[in-house]
C-alpha atoms as a PDB file:
ATOM      1  CA  MET A   1     -13.147 -17.456  10.944  1.00  0.00           C
ATOM      2  CA  LYS A   2     -11.313 -14.139  11.108  1.00  0.00           C
ATOM      3  CA  ASP A   3     -11.404 -12.452   7.721  1.00  0.00           C
ATOM      4  CA  TYR A   4      -9.824  -9.034   8.314  1.00  0.00           C
ATOM      5  CA  THR A   5      -8.182  -8.841  11.722  1.00  0.00           C
ATOM      6  CA  ILE A   6      -6.699 -10.719  14.644  1.00  0.00           C
ATOM      7  CA  THR A   7      -5.475  -9.480  18.002  1.00  0.00           C
ATOM      8  CA  ARG A   8      -1.904  -8.390  18.658  1.00  0.00           C
ATOM      9  CA  THR A   9      -1.385 -11.464  20.842  1.00  0.00           C
ATOM     10  CA  GLU A  10      -2.661 -13.746  18.083  1.00  0.00           C
ATOM     11  CA  LEU A  11      -0.421 -11.990  15.564  1.00  0.00           C
ATOM     12  CA  ILE A  12       2.647 -12.444  17.748  1.00  0.00           C
ATOM     13  CA  THR A  13       1.876 -16.175  17.943  1.00  0.00           C
ATOM     14  CA  VAL A  14       1.487 -16.352  14.152  1.00  0.00           C
ATOM     15  CA  LEU A  15       4.777 -14.537  13.592  1.00  0.00           C
ATOM     16  CA  GLU A  16       6.615 -16.738  16.095  1.00  0.00           C
ATOM     17  CA  LYS A  17       5.355 -19.898  14.391  1.00  0.00           C
ATOM     18  CA  CYS A  18       6.409 -18.594  10.969  1.00  0.00           C
ATOM     19  CA  PHE A  19       9.891 -17.691  12.202  1.00  0.00           C
ATOM     20  CA  ILE A  20      10.193 -21.145  13.773  1.00  0.00           C
ATOM     21  CA  GLU A  21       9.284 -22.701  10.440  1.00  0.00           C
ATOM     22  CA  LEU A  22      11.734 -20.430   8.598  1.00  0.00           C
ATOM     23  CA  TYR A  23      14.649 -21.262  10.886  1.00  0.00           C
ATOM     24  CA  THR A  24      13.734 -24.962  10.961  1.00  0.00           C
ATOM     25  CA  ASN A  25      13.363 -25.419   7.208  1.00  0.00           C
ATOM     26  CA  ASP A  26      15.546 -22.682   5.736  1.00  0.00           C
ATOM     27  CA  ASP A  27      18.342 -22.060   8.221  1.00  0.00           C
ATOM     28  CA  TYR A  28      20.756 -22.688   5.357  1.00  0.00           C
ATOM     29  CA  LEU A  29      19.592 -19.439   3.736  1.00  0.00           C
ATOM     30  CA  ILE A  30      20.306 -17.475   6.903  1.00  0.00           C
ATOM     31  CA  ALA A  31      23.493 -19.088   8.153  1.00  0.00           C
ATOM     32  CA  HIS A  32      25.311 -20.189   4.983  1.00  0.00           C
ATOM     33  CA  LYS A  33      28.349 -18.349   3.701  1.00  0.00           C
ATOM     34  CA  PRO A  34      30.319 -19.462   0.647  1.00  0.00           C
ATOM     35  CA  ALA A  35      33.495 -21.441   1.220  1.00  0.00           C
ATOM     36  CA  MET A  36      35.466 -19.054  -0.970  1.00  0.00           C
ATOM     37  CA  PRO A  37      34.606 -15.440  -0.089  1.00  0.00           C
ATOM     38  CA  SER A  38      34.269 -13.180  -3.080  1.00  0.00           C
ATOM     39  CA  SER A  39      34.660  -9.456  -3.536  1.00  0.00           C
ATOM     40  CA  TYR A  40      30.917  -8.892  -3.151  1.00  0.00           C
ATOM     41  CA  ASP A  41      28.486  -9.753  -0.388  1.00  0.00           C
ATOM     42  CA  GLU A  42      29.079 -13.233   0.965  1.00  0.00           C
ATOM     43  CA  HIS A  43      25.473 -13.869   1.994  1.00  0.00           C
ATOM     44  CA  LEU A  44      22.275 -14.560   0.133  1.00  0.00           C
ATOM     45  CA  CYS A  45      20.025 -11.710  -0.860  1.00  0.00           C
ATOM     46  CA  GLU A  46      17.607 -10.672   1.877  1.00  0.00           C
ATOM     47  CA  ARG A  47      14.698 -11.099  -0.577  1.00  0.00           C
ATOM     48  CA  THR A  48      15.345 -14.836  -0.814  1.00  0.00           C
ATOM     49  CA  ILE A  49      14.828 -15.251   2.916  1.00  0.00           C
ATOM     50  CA  VAL A  50      11.906 -12.817   3.045  1.00  0.00           C
ATOM     51  CA  PHE A  51      10.092 -14.763   0.322  1.00  0.00           C
ATOM     52  CA  ARG A  52      10.339 -17.948   2.380  1.00  0.00           C
ATOM     53  CA  PHE A  53       8.984 -16.165   5.475  1.00  0.00           C
ATOM     54  CA  ALA A  54       6.071 -14.763   3.426  1.00  0.00           C
ATOM     55  CA  TYR A  55       5.344 -18.254   2.099  1.00  0.00           C
ATOM     56  CA  TYR A  56       5.128 -19.629   5.641  1.00  0.00           C
ATOM     57  CA  LEU A  57       2.988 -16.700   6.735  1.00  0.00           C
ATOM     58  CA  GLN A  58       0.476 -17.192   3.896  1.00  0.00           C
ATOM     59  CA  LYS A  59       0.399 -20.939   4.532  1.00  0.00           C
ATOM     60  CA  TYR A  60      -0.143 -20.499   8.269  1.00  0.00           C
ATOM     61  CA  LEU A  61      -2.941 -17.971   7.798  1.00  0.00           C
ATOM     62  CA  GLU A  62      -4.698 -20.210   5.248  1.00  0.00           C
ATOM     63  CA  ASN A  63      -4.333 -23.386   7.322  1.00  0.00           C
ATOM     64  CA  ASN A  64      -5.741 -21.664  10.406  1.00  0.00           C
ATOM     65  CA  ASN A  65      -8.569 -19.709   8.728  1.00  0.00           C
ATOM     66  CA  LEU A  66      -7.075 -16.358   9.718  1.00  0.00           C
ATOM     67  CA  LEU A  67      -7.283 -13.157   7.678  1.00  0.00           C
ATOM     68  CA  ASN A  68      -9.094 -15.038   4.912  1.00  0.00           C
ATOM     69  CA  LYS A  69      -9.954 -11.933   2.895  1.00  0.00           C
ATOM     70  CA  LEU A  70      -6.359 -10.668   2.919  1.00  0.00           C
ATOM     71  CA  VAL A  71      -3.265 -11.706   0.978  1.00  0.00           C
ATOM     72  CA  VAL A  72       0.436 -11.812   1.739  1.00  0.00           C
ATOM     73  CA  ASP A  73       2.611 -10.076  -0.869  1.00  0.00           C
ATOM     74  CA  CYS A  74       6.336  -9.392  -1.164  1.00  0.00           C
ATOM     75  CA  ASP A  75       7.723  -6.134  -2.555  1.00  0.00           C
ATOM     76  CA  TYR A  76       4.207  -4.853  -3.337  1.00  0.00           C
ATOM     77  CA  ASN A  77       4.518  -1.298  -4.653  1.00  0.00           C
ATOM     78  CA  ARG A  78       0.952  -0.327  -5.570  1.00  0.00           C
ATOM     79  CA  ASP A  79      -1.656   1.878  -3.951  1.00  0.00           C
ATOM     80  CA  ALA A  80      -4.595   0.771  -6.087  1.00  0.00           C
ATOM     81  CA  TYR A  81      -3.271   1.875  -9.505  1.00  0.00           C
ATOM     82  CA  ASP A  82      -0.726   4.376  -8.223  1.00  0.00           C
ATOM     83  CA  ILE A  83       2.788   3.920  -6.879  1.00  0.00           C
ATOM     84  CA  LYS A  84       2.880   3.306  -3.140  1.00  0.00           C
ATOM     85  CA  SER A  85       4.910   6.086  -1.512  1.00  0.00           C
ATOM     86  CA  VAL A  86       5.414   7.286   2.055  1.00  0.00           C
ATOM     87  CA  GLY A  87       7.234  10.192   3.670  1.00  0.00           C
ATOM     88  CA  ARG A  88      10.557  10.921   2.052  1.00  0.00           C
ATOM     89  CA  PHE A  89      10.148   7.982  -0.350  1.00  0.00           C
ATOM     90  CA  VAL A  90       8.239  10.105  -2.867  1.00  0.00           C
ATOM     91  CA  ASN A  91       9.333   8.027  -5.860  1.00  0.00           C
ATOM     92  CA  GLY A  92       7.745   4.949  -4.380  1.00  0.00           C
ATOM     93  CA  THR A  93       8.503   2.214  -1.920  1.00  0.00           C
ATOM     94  CA  TYR A  94       7.736  -1.442  -1.603  1.00  0.00           C
ATOM     95  CA  PRO A  95       7.543  -3.138   1.772  1.00  0.00           C
ATOM     96  CA  ASP A  96       9.289  -6.486   2.141  1.00  0.00           C
ATOM     97  CA  VAL A  97       6.086  -8.225   3.285  1.00  0.00           C
ATOM     98  CA  ILE A  98       2.589  -6.834   3.316  1.00  0.00           C
ATOM     99  CA  VAL A  99      -0.720  -8.348   4.480  1.00  0.00           C
ATOM    100  CA  HIS A 100      -3.582  -6.447   2.918  1.00  0.00           C
ATOM    101  CA  GLN A 101      -6.475  -6.453   0.506  1.00  0.00           C
ATOM    102  CA  ARG A 102      -5.260  -5.617  -2.990  1.00  0.00           C
ATOM    103  CA  GLY A 103      -6.732  -2.682  -4.866  1.00  0.00           C
ATOM    104  CA  ASN A 104      -7.811  -0.541  -1.917  1.00  0.00           C
ATOM    105  CA  ASN A 105      -6.737   0.662   1.510  1.00  0.00           C
ATOM    106  CA  LYS A 106      -9.767  -0.555   3.468  1.00  0.00           C
ATOM    107  CA  HIS A 107      -8.059  -3.508   5.108  1.00  0.00           C
ATOM    108  CA  ASN A 108      -4.382  -2.685   5.503  1.00  0.00           C
ATOM    109  CA  PHE A 109      -3.240  -5.094   8.185  1.00  0.00           C
ATOM    110  CA  LEU A 110       0.544  -5.627   8.406  1.00  0.00           C
ATOM    111  CA  VAL A 111       3.810  -4.366   6.909  1.00  0.00           C
ATOM    112  CA  ILE A 112       7.124  -6.036   7.779  1.00  0.00           C
ATOM    113  CA  GLU A 113      10.562  -4.739   6.869  1.00  0.00           C
ATOM    114  CA  PHE A 114      13.467  -7.171   7.275  1.00  0.00           C
ATOM    115  CA  LYS A 115      17.167  -6.753   7.714  1.00  0.00           C
ATOM    116  CA  THR A 116      19.752  -9.446   8.260  1.00  0.00           C
ATOM    117  CA  TYR A 117      22.448  -9.741  10.892  1.00  0.00           C
ATOM    118  CA  TRP A 118      25.024  -8.847   8.247  1.00  0.00           C
ATOM    119  CA  ASN A 119      23.153  -5.671   7.266  1.00  0.00           C
ATOM    120  CA  ARG A 120      21.726  -4.053  10.391  1.00  0.00           C
ATOM    121  CA  ASP A 121      20.988  -0.569   9.042  1.00  0.00           C
ATOM    122  CA  VAL A 122      17.293  -0.242   9.912  1.00  0.00           C
ATOM    123  CA  GLN A 123      16.747   3.535   9.786  1.00  0.00           C
ATOM    124  CA  ASN A 124      15.199   3.533   6.307  1.00  0.00           C
ATOM    125  CA  ASP A 125      12.988   0.636   7.362  1.00  0.00           C
ATOM    126  CA  ILE A 126      11.833   2.512  10.477  1.00  0.00           C
ATOM    127  CA  ASP A 127      11.011   5.554   8.342  1.00  0.00           C
ATOM    128  CA  LYS A 128       9.076   3.365   5.893  1.00  0.00           C
ATOM    129  CA  ILE A 129       7.000   1.466   8.439  1.00  0.00           C
ATOM    130  CA  THR A 130       6.180   4.659  10.315  1.00  0.00           C
ATOM    131  CA  GLY A 131       4.958   6.114   7.021  1.00  0.00           C
ATOM    132  CA  PHE A 132       2.783   3.070   6.375  1.00  0.00           C
ATOM    133  CA  LEU A 133       1.304   3.383   9.867  1.00  0.00           C
ATOM    134  CA  VAL A 134       0.505   7.083   9.404  1.00  0.00           C
ATOM    135  CA  GLU A 135      -0.301   7.437   5.704  1.00  0.00           C
ATOM    136  CA  TYR A 136      -1.958   4.099   4.921  1.00  0.00           C
ATOM    137  CA  ASP A 137      -3.427   3.321   8.340  1.00  0.00           C
ATOM    138  CA  TYR A 138      -1.893  -0.127   8.710  1.00  0.00           C
ATOM    139  CA  LYS A 139      -3.017  -1.899  11.851  1.00  0.00           C
ATOM    140  CA  TYR A 140       0.500  -3.235  12.547  1.00  0.00           C
ATOM    141  CA  VAL A 141       4.025  -2.620  11.284  1.00  0.00           C
ATOM    142  CA  MET A 142       7.298  -4.300  12.195  1.00  0.00           C
ATOM    143  CA  SER A 143      10.982  -3.908  11.487  1.00  0.00           C
ATOM    144  CA  ILE A 144      12.968  -6.989  12.405  1.00  0.00           C
ATOM    145  CA  ILE A 145      16.547  -8.182  12.062  1.00  0.00           C
ATOM    146  CA  LEU A 146      16.965 -11.804  11.064  1.00  0.00           C
ATOM    147  CA  GLU A 147      19.598 -12.837  13.559  1.00  0.00           C
ATOM    148  CA  LYS A 148      21.889 -15.861  13.413  1.00  0.00           C
ATOM    149  CA  THR A 149      19.641 -17.781  15.779  1.00  0.00           C
ATOM    150  CA  LEU A 150      15.914 -18.241  16.032  1.00  0.00           C
ATOM    151  CA  GLN A 151      15.886 -17.229  19.695  1.00  0.00           C
ATOM    152  CA  GLU A 152      17.574 -13.889  18.989  1.00  0.00           C
ATOM    153  CA  THR A 153      15.003 -13.172  16.287  1.00  0.00           C
ATOM    154  CA  LEU A 154      11.995 -14.197  18.403  1.00  0.00           C
ATOM    155  CA  LEU A 155      13.096 -11.876  21.210  1.00  0.00           C
ATOM    156  CA  GLN A 156      12.504  -8.856  18.954  1.00  0.00           C
ATOM    157  CA  ILE A 157       8.893  -9.493  17.944  1.00  0.00           C
ATOM    158  CA  ASN A 158       7.039  -8.018  20.902  1.00  0.00           C
ATOM    159  CA  ASP A 159       9.054  -4.774  21.010  1.00  0.00           C
ATOM    160  CA  HIS A 160       9.272  -4.309  17.246  1.00  0.00           C
ATOM    161  CA  LEU A 161       5.607  -4.954  16.409  1.00  0.00           C
ATOM    162  CA  TRP A 162       4.018  -1.506  16.437  1.00  0.00           C
ATOM    163  CA  ASP A 163       0.495  -0.188  16.111  1.00  0.00           C
ATOM    164  CA  GLN A 164      -0.991   3.330  16.278  1.00  0.00           C
ATOM    165  CA  SER A 165      -0.168   3.579  19.995  1.00  0.00           C
ATOM    166  CA  ILE A 166       3.541   3.940  19.146  1.00  0.00           C
ATOM    167  CA  LEU A 167       2.744   7.235  17.431  1.00  0.00           C
ATOM    168  CA  GLU A 168       0.843   8.465  20.470  1.00  0.00           C
ATOM    169  CA  LYS A 169       3.807   7.649  22.708  1.00  0.00           C
ATOM    170  CA  HIS A 170       6.191   9.644  20.476  1.00  0.00           C
ATOM    171  CA  GLU A 171       3.835  12.632  20.271  1.00  0.00           C
ATOM    172  CA  SER A 172       3.712  12.857  24.070  1.00  0.00           C
ATOM    173  CA  LEU A 173       7.508  13.058  24.421  1.00  0.00           C
END
């Protein structure tokens, strides 16, 4: 039983399995566009898809006795009783998906920021996850684009899953 941590390799496997489940069961949410385009965005809200991914992540972790003392939350904006803020997001921020222990910062494990293939602007997400890595000492952070196909999405995981070593690489440049 792994209550607070798993290896990077194990985490990649978990994430891959959750994306497979998302694209298998909820591809409609990712691929569907309305028959009659409207004047506003034609696609579903990113949060709808992110919720489903978080559901599969929580279910997978529970079913496999991984990270038992941690929870998966969506849009969680608290640092104990205060607003969670990082870097230039001084008025607060809420990561799309977070795996942590509520109420403290002792076991901050994973933050994931999502974008979709129809909204690829990831710079704010990169700034946010870097802040979570530095200021809240998360073990892992990831920014990922939900592509049209599962394969395109899976190809991003290894390169986009960061830990503290990414900061060391940037400092040496």
